[in-house]
PDB file of all heavy atoms in Angstrom:
ATOM      1  N   ILE A   1      77.435 101.654 -65.002  1.00  0.00           N
ATOM      2  CA  ILE A   1      78.858 101.974 -65.038  1.00  0.00           C
ATOM      3  C   ILE A   1      79.294 102.549 -63.689  1.00  0.00           C
ATOM      4  O   ILE A   1      78.675 103.471 -63.164  1.00  0.00           O
ATOM      5  CB  ILE A   1      79.171 102.966 -66.171  1.00  0.00           C
ATOM      6  CG1 ILE A   1      78.794 102.364 -67.526  1.00  0.00           C
ATOM      7  CG2 ILE A   1      80.640 103.379 -66.139  1.00  0.00           C
ATOM      8  CD1 ILE A   1      79.492 101.048 -67.850  1.00  0.00           C
ATOM      9  N   GLU A   2      80.355 101.990 -63.147  1.00  0.00           N
ATOM     10  CA  GLU A   2      80.835 102.420 -61.834  1.00  0.00           C
ATOM     11  C   GLU A   2      82.157 103.170 -61.901  1.00  0.00           C
ATOM     12  O   GLU A   2      82.466 103.951 -61.005  1.00  0.00           O
ATOM     13  CB  GLU A   2      80.978 101.194 -60.935  1.00  0.00           C
ATOM     14  CG  GLU A   2      79.636 100.542 -60.631  1.00  0.00           C
ATOM     15  CD  GLU A   2      79.766  99.097 -60.214  1.00  0.00           C
ATOM     16  OE1 GLU A   2      80.520  98.357 -60.864  1.00  0.00           O
ATOM     17  OE2 GLU A   2      79.112  98.716 -59.231  1.00  0.00           O
ATOM     18  N   GLU A   3      82.935 102.908 -62.940  1.00  0.00           N
ATOM     19  CA  GLU A   3      84.227 103.586 -63.051  1.00  0.00           C
ATOM     20  C   GLU A   3      84.410 104.112 -64.469  1.00  0.00           C
ATOM     21  O   GLU A   3      84.227 103.379 -65.442  1.00  0.00           O
ATOM     22  CB  GLU A   3      85.370 102.643 -62.697  1.00  0.00           C
ATOM     23  CG  GLU A   3      86.726 103.318 -62.706  1.00  0.00           C
ATOM     24  CD  GLU A   3      87.770 102.507 -61.965  1.00  0.00           C
ATOM     25  OE1 GLU A   3      87.974 101.337 -62.330  1.00  0.00           O
ATOM     26  OE2 GLU A   3      88.362 103.046 -61.022  1.00  0.00           O
ATOM     27  N   VAL A   4      84.777 105.388 -64.572  1.00  0.00           N
ATOM     28  CA  VAL A   4      84.990 106.027 -65.863  1.00  0.00           C
ATOM     29  C   VAL A   4      86.483 106.315 -66.028  1.00  0.00           C
ATOM     30  O   VAL A   4      87.090 107.009 -65.212  1.00  0.00           O
ATOM     31  CB  VAL A   4      84.188 107.338 -65.977  1.00  0.00           C
ATOM     32  CG1 VAL A   4      84.590 108.112 -67.233  1.00  0.00           C
ATOM     33  CG2 VAL A   4      82.692 107.034 -65.998  1.00  0.00           C
ATOM     34  N   VAL A   5      87.056 105.752 -67.075  1.00  0.00           N
ATOM     35  CA  VAL A   5      88.449 106.015 -67.434  1.00  0.00           C
ATOM     36  C   VAL A   5      88.430 106.658 -68.805  1.00  0.00           C
ATOM     37  O   VAL A   5      87.936 106.070 -69.773  1.00  0.00           O
ATOM     38  CB  VAL A   5      89.281 104.714 -67.459  1.00  0.00           C
ATOM     39  CG1 VAL A   5      90.729 105.019 -67.842  1.00  0.00           C
ATOM     40  CG2 VAL A   5      89.219 104.013 -66.112  1.00  0.00           C
ATOM     41  N   ARG A   6      88.939 107.875 -68.906  1.00  0.00           N
ATOM     42  CA  ARG A   6      88.930 108.595 -70.175  1.00  0.00           C
ATOM     43  C   ARG A   6      90.030 109.644 -70.169  1.00  0.00           C
ATOM     44  O   ARG A   6      90.703 109.863 -69.158  1.00  0.00           O
ATOM     45  CB  ARG A   6      87.569 109.242 -70.422  1.00  0.00           C
ATOM     46  CG  ARG A   6      87.097 110.191 -69.348  1.00  0.00           C
ATOM     47  CD  ARG A   6      85.650 110.596 -69.571  1.00  0.00           C
ATOM     48  NE  ARG A   6      85.135 111.437 -68.489  1.00  0.00           N
ATOM     49  CZ  ARG A   6      83.852 111.713 -68.312  1.00  0.00           C
ATOM     50  NH1 ARG A   6      82.941 111.221 -69.141  1.00  0.00           N
ATOM     51  NH2 ARG A   6      83.455 112.466 -67.311  1.00  0.00           N
ATOM     52  N   GLY A   7      90.228 110.320 -71.298  1.00  0.00           N
ATOM     53  CA  GLY A   7      91.278 111.315 -71.407  1.00  0.00           C
ATOM     54  C   GLY A   7      91.024 112.523 -70.524  1.00  0.00           C
ATOM     55  O   GLY A   7      89.868 112.883 -70.264  1.00  0.00           O
ATOM     56  N   ASP A   8      92.108 113.157 -70.062  1.00  0.00           N
ATOM     57  CA  ASP A   8      91.908 114.282 -69.153  1.00  0.00           C
ATOM     58  C   ASP A   8      91.433 115.556 -69.850  1.00  0.00           C
ATOM     59  O   ASP A   8      91.193 116.566 -69.193  1.00  0.00           O
ATOM     60  CB  ASP A   8      93.137 114.550 -68.288  1.00  0.00           C
ATOM     61  CG  ASP A   8      94.385 114.906 -69.076  1.00  0.00           C
ATOM     62  OD1 ASP A   8      94.281 115.175 -70.290  1.00  0.00           O
ATOM     63  OD2 ASP A   8      95.474 114.922 -68.478  1.00  0.00           O
ATOM     64  N   ASP A   9      91.242 115.496 -71.179  1.00  0.00           N
ATOM     65  CA  ASP A   9      90.575 116.612 -71.848  1.00  0.00           C
ATOM     66  C   ASP A   9      89.091 116.638 -71.502  1.00  0.00           C
ATOM     67  O   ASP A   9      88.423 117.663 -71.749  1.00  0.00           O
ATOM     68  CB  ASP A   9      90.772 116.537 -73.362  1.00  0.00           C
ATOM     69  CG  ASP A   9      90.291 115.219 -73.968  1.00  0.00           C
ATOM     70  OD1 ASP A   9      90.333 114.183 -73.276  1.00  0.00           O
ATOM     71  OD2 ASP A   9      89.886 115.224 -75.137  1.00  0.00           O
ATOM     72  N   LEU A  10      88.574 115.566 -70.921  1.00  0.00           N
ATOM     73  CA  LEU A  10      87.166 115.500 -70.522  1.00  0.00           C
ATOM     74  C   LEU A  10      86.982 115.700 -69.015  1.00  0.00           C
ATOM     75  O   LEU A  10      85.879 115.521 -68.496  1.00  0.00           O
ATOM     76  CB  LEU A  10      86.557 114.163 -70.942  1.00  0.00           C
ATOM     77  CG  LEU A  10      86.392 113.976 -72.456  1.00  0.00           C
ATOM     78  CD1 LEU A  10      85.978 112.549 -72.770  1.00  0.00           C
ATOM     79  CD2 LEU A  10      85.381 114.963 -73.021  1.00  0.00           C
ATOM     80  N   LEU A  11      88.024 116.100 -68.346  1.00  0.00           N
ATOM     81  CA  LEU A  11      87.937 116.308 -66.902  1.00  0.00           C
ATOM     82  C   LEU A  11      86.852 117.322 -66.549  1.00  0.00           C
ATOM     83  O   LEU A  11      86.120 117.155 -65.578  1.00  0.00           O
ATOM     84  CB  LEU A  11      89.288 116.771 -66.357  1.00  0.00           C
ATOM     85  CG  LEU A  11      89.428 116.914 -64.843  1.00  0.00           C
ATOM     86  CD1 LEU A  11      89.277 115.567 -64.154  1.00  0.00           C
ATOM     87  CD2 LEU A  11      90.783 117.540 -64.496  1.00  0.00           C
ATOM     88  N   GLY A  12      86.721 118.367 -67.359  1.00  0.00           N
ATOM     89  CA  GLY A  12      85.740 119.407 -67.080  1.00  0.00           C
ATOM     90  C   GLY A  12      84.299 118.962 -67.266  1.00  0.00           C
ATOM     91  O   GLY A  12      83.379 119.643 -66.802  1.00  0.00           O
ATOM     92  N   SER A  13      84.080 117.834 -67.930  1.00  0.00           N
ATOM     93  CA  SER A  13      82.717 117.341 -68.146  1.00  0.00           C
ATOM     94  C   SER A  13      82.179 116.585 -66.941  1.00  0.00           C
ATOM     95  O   SER A  13      80.963 116.418 -66.802  1.00  0.00           O
ATOM     96  CB  SER A  13      82.671 116.401 -69.362  1.00  0.00           C
ATOM     97  OG  SER A  13      83.014 117.077 -70.542  1.00  0.00           O
ATOM     98  N   THR A  14      83.059 116.138 -66.071  1.00  0.00           N
ATOM     99  CA  THR A  14      82.627 115.234 -65.006  1.00  0.00           C
ATOM    100  C   THR A  14      81.715 115.918 -64.000  1.00  0.00           C
ATOM    101  O   THR A  14      80.696 115.352 -63.580  1.00  0.00           O
ATOM    102  CB  THR A  14      83.848 114.626 -64.314  1.00  0.00           C
ATOM    103  OG1 THR A  14      84.635 113.943 -65.295  1.00  0.00           O
ATOM    104  CG2 THR A  14      83.430 113.641 -63.241  1.00  0.00           C
ATOM    105  N   GLY A  15      82.036 117.132 -63.595  1.00  0.00           N
ATOM    106  CA  GLY A  15      81.172 117.855 -62.671  1.00  0.00           C
ATOM    107  C   GLY A  15      79.791 118.069 -63.260  1.00  0.00           C
ATOM    108  O   GLY A  15      78.774 117.935 -62.550  1.00  0.00           O
ATOM    109  N   ARG A  16      79.731 118.405 -64.533  1.00  0.00           N
ATOM    110  CA  ARG A  16      78.441 118.569 -65.209  1.00  0.00           C
ATOM    111  C   ARG A  16      77.633 117.287 -65.159  1.00  0.00           C
ATOM    112  O   ARG A  16      76.428 117.287 -64.871  1.00  0.00           O
ATOM    113  CB  ARG A  16      78.656 118.975 -66.668  1.00  0.00           C
ATOM    114  CG  ARG A  16      79.227 120.370 -66.884  1.00  0.00           C
ATOM    115  CD  ARG A  16      79.547 120.574 -68.346  1.00  0.00           C
ATOM    116  NE  ARG A  16      79.815 121.969 -68.672  1.00  0.00           N
ATOM    117  CZ  ARG A  16      80.122 122.406 -69.878  1.00  0.00           C
ATOM    118  NH1 ARG A  16      80.191 121.539 -70.883  1.00  0.00           N
ATOM    119  NH2 ARG A  16      80.344 123.693 -70.103  1.00  0.00           N
ATOM    120  N   GLN A  17      78.296 116.165 -65.453  1.00  0.00           N
ATOM    121  CA  GLN A  17      77.584 114.890 -65.505  1.00  0.00           C
ATOM    122  C   GLN A  17      77.132 114.441 -64.123  1.00  0.00           C
ATOM    123  O   GLN A  17      76.032 113.889 -63.970  1.00  0.00           O
ATOM    124  CB  GLN A  17      78.473 113.853 -66.181  1.00  0.00           C
ATOM    125  CG  GLN A  17      78.680 114.156 -67.659  1.00  0.00           C
ATOM    126  CD  GLN A  17      79.757 113.318 -68.309  1.00  0.00           C
ATOM    127  OE1 GLN A  17      80.262 112.361 -67.729  1.00  0.00           O
ATOM    128  NE2 GLN A  17      80.133 113.688 -69.530  1.00  0.00           N
ATOM    129  N   LEU A  18      77.928 114.674 -63.105  1.00  0.00           N
ATOM    130  CA  LEU A  18      77.515 114.332 -61.746  1.00  0.00           C
ATOM    131  C   LEU A  18      76.335 115.197 -61.299  1.00  0.00           C
ATOM    132  O   LEU A  18      75.402 114.709 -60.650  1.00  0.00           O
ATOM    133  CB  LEU A  18      78.692 114.489 -60.782  1.00  0.00           C
ATOM    134  CG  LEU A  18      79.792 113.431 -60.917  1.00  0.00           C
ATOM    135  CD1 LEU A  18      80.993 113.819 -60.055  1.00  0.00           C
ATOM    136  CD2 LEU A  18      79.280 112.050 -60.533  1.00  0.00           C
ATOM    137  N   TRP A  19      76.381 116.483 -61.652  1.00  0.00           N
ATOM    138  CA  TRP A  19      75.260 117.367 -61.321  1.00  0.00           C
ATOM    139  C   TRP A  19      73.983 116.890 -62.013  1.00  0.00           C
ATOM    140  O   TRP A  19      72.909 116.842 -61.400  1.00  0.00           O
ATOM    141  CB  TRP A  19      75.575 118.802 -61.741  1.00  0.00           C
ATOM    142  CG  TRP A  19      74.454 119.759 -61.484  1.00  0.00           C
ATOM    143  CD1 TRP A  19      74.229 120.501 -60.357  1.00  0.00           C
ATOM    144  CD2 TRP A  19      73.365 120.071 -62.377  1.00  0.00           C
ATOM    145  NE1 TRP A  19      73.081 121.246 -60.480  1.00  0.00           N
ATOM    146  CE2 TRP A  19      72.527 121.001 -61.705  1.00  0.00           C
ATOM    147  CE3 TRP A  19      73.016 119.661 -63.653  1.00  0.00           C
ATOM    148  CZ2 TRP A  19      71.375 121.529 -62.288  1.00  0.00           C
ATOM    149  CZ3 TRP A  19      71.863 120.162 -64.238  1.00  0.00           C
ATOM    150  CH2 TRP A  19      71.060 121.091 -63.557  1.00  0.00           C
ATOM    151  N   LEU A  20      74.101 116.516 -63.280  1.00  0.00           N
ATOM    152  CA  LEU A  20      72.928 116.094 -64.037  1.00  0.00           C
ATOM    153  C   LEU A  20      72.380 114.777 -63.498  1.00  0.00           C
ATOM    154  O   LEU A  20      71.157 114.603 -63.388  1.00  0.00           O
ATOM    155  CB  LEU A  20      73.280 115.961 -65.518  1.00  0.00           C
ATOM    156  CG  LEU A  20      72.128 115.651 -66.471  1.00  0.00           C
ATOM    157  CD1 LEU A  20      71.012 116.678 -66.339  1.00  0.00           C
ATOM    158  CD2 LEU A  20      72.631 115.604 -67.920  1.00  0.00           C
ATOM    159  N   ALA A  21      73.257 113.848 -63.154  1.00  0.00           N
ATOM    160  CA  ALA A  21      72.796 112.580 -62.586  1.00  0.00           C
ATOM    161  C   ALA A  21      72.035 112.814 -61.284  1.00  0.00           C
ATOM    162  O   ALA A  21      70.990 112.195 -61.034  1.00  0.00           O
ATOM    163  CB  ALA A  21      73.980 111.647 -62.348  1.00  0.00           C
ATOM    164  N   ARG A  22      72.543 113.725 -60.475  1.00  0.00           N
ATOM    165  CA  ARG A  22      71.861 114.040 -59.213  1.00  0.00           C
ATOM    166  C   ARG A  22      70.508 114.691 -59.479  1.00  0.00           C
ATOM    167  O   ARG A  22      69.514 114.372 -58.825  1.00  0.00           O
ATOM    168  CB  ARG A  22      72.741 114.975 -58.388  1.00  0.00           C
ATOM    169  CG  ARG A  22      72.201 115.295 -56.996  1.00  0.00           C
ATOM    170  CD  ARG A  22      73.174 116.171 -56.247  1.00  0.00           C
ATOM    171  NE  ARG A  22      73.292 117.486 -56.878  1.00  0.00           N
ATOM    172  CZ  ARG A  22      74.386 118.243 -56.803  1.00  0.00           C
ATOM    173  NH1 ARG A  22      75.475 117.809 -56.185  1.00  0.00           N
ATOM    174  NH2 ARG A  22      74.394 119.425 -57.373  1.00  0.00           N
ATOM    175  N   THR A  23      70.446 115.577 -60.454  1.00  0.00           N
ATOM    176  CA  THR A  23      69.192 116.258 -60.781  1.00  0.00           C
ATOM    177  C   THR A  23      68.162 115.279 -61.329  1.00  0.00           C
ATOM    178  O   THR A  23      66.965 115.377 -61.022  1.00  0.00           O
ATOM    179  CB  THR A  23      69.460 117.388 -61.790  1.00  0.00           C
ATOM    180  OG1 THR A  23      70.428 118.296 -61.236  1.00  0.00           O
ATOM    181  CG2 THR A  23      68.186 118.146 -62.108  1.00  0.00           C
ATOM    182  N   LEU A  24      68.618 114.337 -62.145  1.00  0.00           N
ATOM    183  CA  LEU A  24      67.726 113.330 -62.718  1.00  0.00           C
ATOM    184  C   LEU A  24      67.432 112.199 -61.735  1.00  0.00           C
ATOM    185  O   LEU A  24      66.594 111.340 -62.016  1.00  0.00           O
ATOM    186  CB  LEU A  24      68.340 112.742 -63.990  1.00  0.00           C
ATOM    187  CG  LEU A  24      68.428 113.659 -65.205  1.00  0.00           C
ATOM    188  CD1 LEU A  24      69.243 112.998 -66.311  1.00  0.00           C
ATOM    189  CD2 LEU A  24      67.042 114.023 -65.714  1.00  0.00           C
TER     190      LEU A  24
END
């Protein structure tokens, strides 16, 4: 997946997911 389109109630999850992807 290269582009994520979702509701802005999930905006706060994106930093977490990017951090986790980098860690993994």
